[in-house]
Amino acid sequence: MGYEWDATKNAENIAKHGVDFADAVPVFEDDYAITTSMTTPIPASSAT
């Protein structure tokens, strides 16, 4: 699968979080990732 993103938003993300979108691609392509559904909402103050 291919990914594309806005260059300006990528630069802002690098400045704010130190993460390039290109470096995050493997997260979405991880064959061993586990995805779950949340049954109890997390308070906004706890969500990251």
N, C-alpha and C. Protein backbone atom coordinates (compact mmCIF):
# COMPACT_ATOMS: atom_id res chain seq x y z
N MET A 1 0.85 -1.16 0.00
CA MET A 1 0.00 0.00 0.00
C MET A 1 0.90 1.23 0.00
N GLY A 2 0.48 2.26 -0.71
CA GLY A 2 1.24 3.50 -0.72
C GLY A 2 0.64 4.52 0.23
N TYR A 3 1.45 5.41 0.66
CA TYR A 3 1.01 6.47 1.57
C TYR A 3 1.46 7.80 1.01
N GLU A 4 0.64 8.81 1.19
CA GLU A 4 1.05 10.16 0.83
C GLU A 4 0.57 11.10 1.92
N TRP A 5 1.31 12.18 2.10
CA TRP A 5 0.97 13.15 3.13
C TRP A 5 1.39 14.53 2.69
N ASP A 6 0.84 15.50 3.36
CA ASP A 6 1.13 16.90 3.08
C ASP A 6 2.51 17.24 3.63
N ALA A 7 3.36 17.80 2.78
CA ALA A 7 4.74 18.12 3.19
C ALA A 7 4.79 19.11 4.34
N THR A 8 3.87 20.07 4.33
CA THR A 8 3.84 21.07 5.41
C THR A 8 3.46 20.42 6.73
N LYS A 9 2.43 19.56 6.70
CA LYS A 9 2.02 18.87 7.93
C LYS A 9 3.12 17.94 8.43
N ASN A 10 3.84 17.32 7.50
CA ASN A 10 4.94 16.45 7.89
C ASN A 10 6.01 17.26 8.61
N ALA A 11 6.35 18.42 8.06
CA ALA A 11 7.36 19.28 8.70
C ALA A 11 6.89 19.73 10.08
N GLU A 12 5.60 20.06 10.20
CA GLU A 12 5.06 20.46 11.51
C GLU A 12 5.12 19.30 12.50
N ASN A 13 4.83 18.09 12.02
CA ASN A 13 4.87 16.91 12.89
C ASN A 13 6.29 16.63 13.37
N ILE A 14 7.26 16.80 12.47
CA ILE A 14 8.66 16.62 12.86
C ILE A 14 9.05 17.63 13.92
N ALA A 15 8.66 18.90 13.70
CA ALA A 15 9.00 19.95 14.66
C ALA A 15 8.33 19.72 16.02
N LYS A 16 7.07 19.29 15.99
CA LYS A 16 6.31 19.13 17.24
C LYS A 16 6.62 17.82 17.97
N HIS A 17 6.74 16.72 17.21
CA HIS A 17 6.86 15.40 17.83
C HIS A 17 8.19 14.69 17.55
N GLY A 18 8.96 15.23 16.62
CA GLY A 18 10.23 14.60 16.26
C GLY A 18 10.07 13.33 15.45
N VAL A 19 8.92 13.17 14.81
CA VAL A 19 8.65 11.96 14.02
C VAL A 19 8.27 12.35 12.59
N ASP A 20 9.01 11.79 11.65
CA ASP A 20 8.70 11.97 10.23
C ASP A 20 7.61 10.96 9.87
N PHE A 21 6.62 11.38 9.08
CA PHE A 21 5.56 10.46 8.69
C PHE A 21 6.13 9.21 8.02
N ALA A 22 7.19 9.37 7.24
CA ALA A 22 7.80 8.22 6.56
C ALA A 22 8.31 7.19 7.57
N ASP A 23 8.76 7.65 8.73
CA ASP A 23 9.23 6.74 9.76
C ASP A 23 8.08 5.99 10.44
N ALA A 24 6.86 6.52 10.32
CA ALA A 24 5.70 5.90 10.96
C ALA A 24 5.04 4.84 10.08
N VAL A 25 5.35 4.80 8.80
CA VAL A 25 4.72 3.85 7.88
C VAL A 25 4.80 2.41 8.38
N PRO A 26 5.93 1.93 8.89
CA PRO A 26 5.99 0.53 9.36
C PRO A 26 4.95 0.19 10.43
N VAL A 27 4.50 1.17 11.17
CA VAL A 27 3.47 0.93 12.19
C VAL A 27 2.20 0.40 11.53
N PHE A 28 1.87 0.93 10.36
CA PHE A 28 0.65 0.52 9.67
C PHE A 28 0.84 -0.74 8.84
N GLU A 29 2.07 -1.16 8.64
CA GLU A 29 2.35 -2.34 7.83
C GLU A 29 2.83 -3.52 8.68
N ASP A 30 2.69 -3.44 9.98
CA ASP A 30 3.16 -4.48 10.90
C ASP A 30 2.22 -5.69 10.85
N ASP A 31 2.71 -6.80 10.33
CA ASP A 31 1.91 -8.02 10.24
C ASP A 31 1.57 -8.60 11.61
N TYR A 32 2.30 -8.20 12.64
CA TYR A 32 2.09 -8.76 13.97
C TYR A 32 1.37 -7.79 14.91
N ALA A 33 0.88 -6.69 14.37
CA ALA A 33 0.17 -5.71 15.19
C ALA A 33 -1.14 -6.31 15.70
N ILE A 34 -1.53 -5.89 16.86
CA ILE A 34 -2.79 -6.33 17.45
C ILE A 34 -3.69 -5.10 17.54
N THR A 35 -4.87 -5.22 16.98
CA THR A 35 -5.84 -4.14 17.02
C THR A 35 -7.03 -4.60 17.85
N THR A 36 -7.44 -3.77 18.78
CA THR A 36 -8.58 -4.12 19.63
C THR A 36 -9.61 -3.01 19.58
N SER A 37 -10.81 -3.35 19.98
CA SER A 37 -11.88 -2.36 20.10
C SER A 37 -11.99 -1.98 21.57
N MET A 38 -12.19 -0.70 21.80
CA MET A 38 -12.35 -0.25 23.18
C MET A 38 -13.83 -0.31 23.55
N THR A 39 -14.12 -0.88 24.70
CA THR A 39 -15.50 -0.92 25.15
C THR A 39 -15.77 0.17 26.18
N THR A 40 -14.72 0.69 26.78
CA THR A 40 -14.84 1.76 27.76
C THR A 40 -14.07 2.97 27.26
N PRO A 41 -14.73 4.09 27.09
CA PRO A 41 -14.01 5.27 26.59
C PRO A 41 -12.94 5.74 27.57
N ILE A 42 -11.85 6.23 27.04
CA ILE A 42 -10.78 6.81 27.85
C ILE A 42 -11.07 8.30 27.99
N PRO A 43 -10.99 8.83 29.21
CA PRO A 43 -11.20 10.27 29.36
C PRO A 43 -10.20 11.04 28.50
N ALA A 44 -10.63 12.15 27.95
CA ALA A 44 -9.78 12.95 27.06
C ALA A 44 -8.46 13.32 27.73
N SER A 45 -8.47 13.50 29.04
CA SER A 45 -7.24 13.88 29.74
C SER A 45 -6.22 12.74 29.77
N SER A 46 -6.67 11.50 29.53
CA SER A 46 -5.77 10.35 29.56
C SER A 46 -5.34 9.90 28.17
N ALA A 47 -6.10 10.28 27.16
CA ALA A 47 -5.80 9.84 25.80
C ALA A 47 -4.58 10.57 25.26
N THR A 48 -3.74 9.83 24.52
CA THR A 48 -2.58 10.46 23.90
C THR A 48 -2.59 10.18 22.42
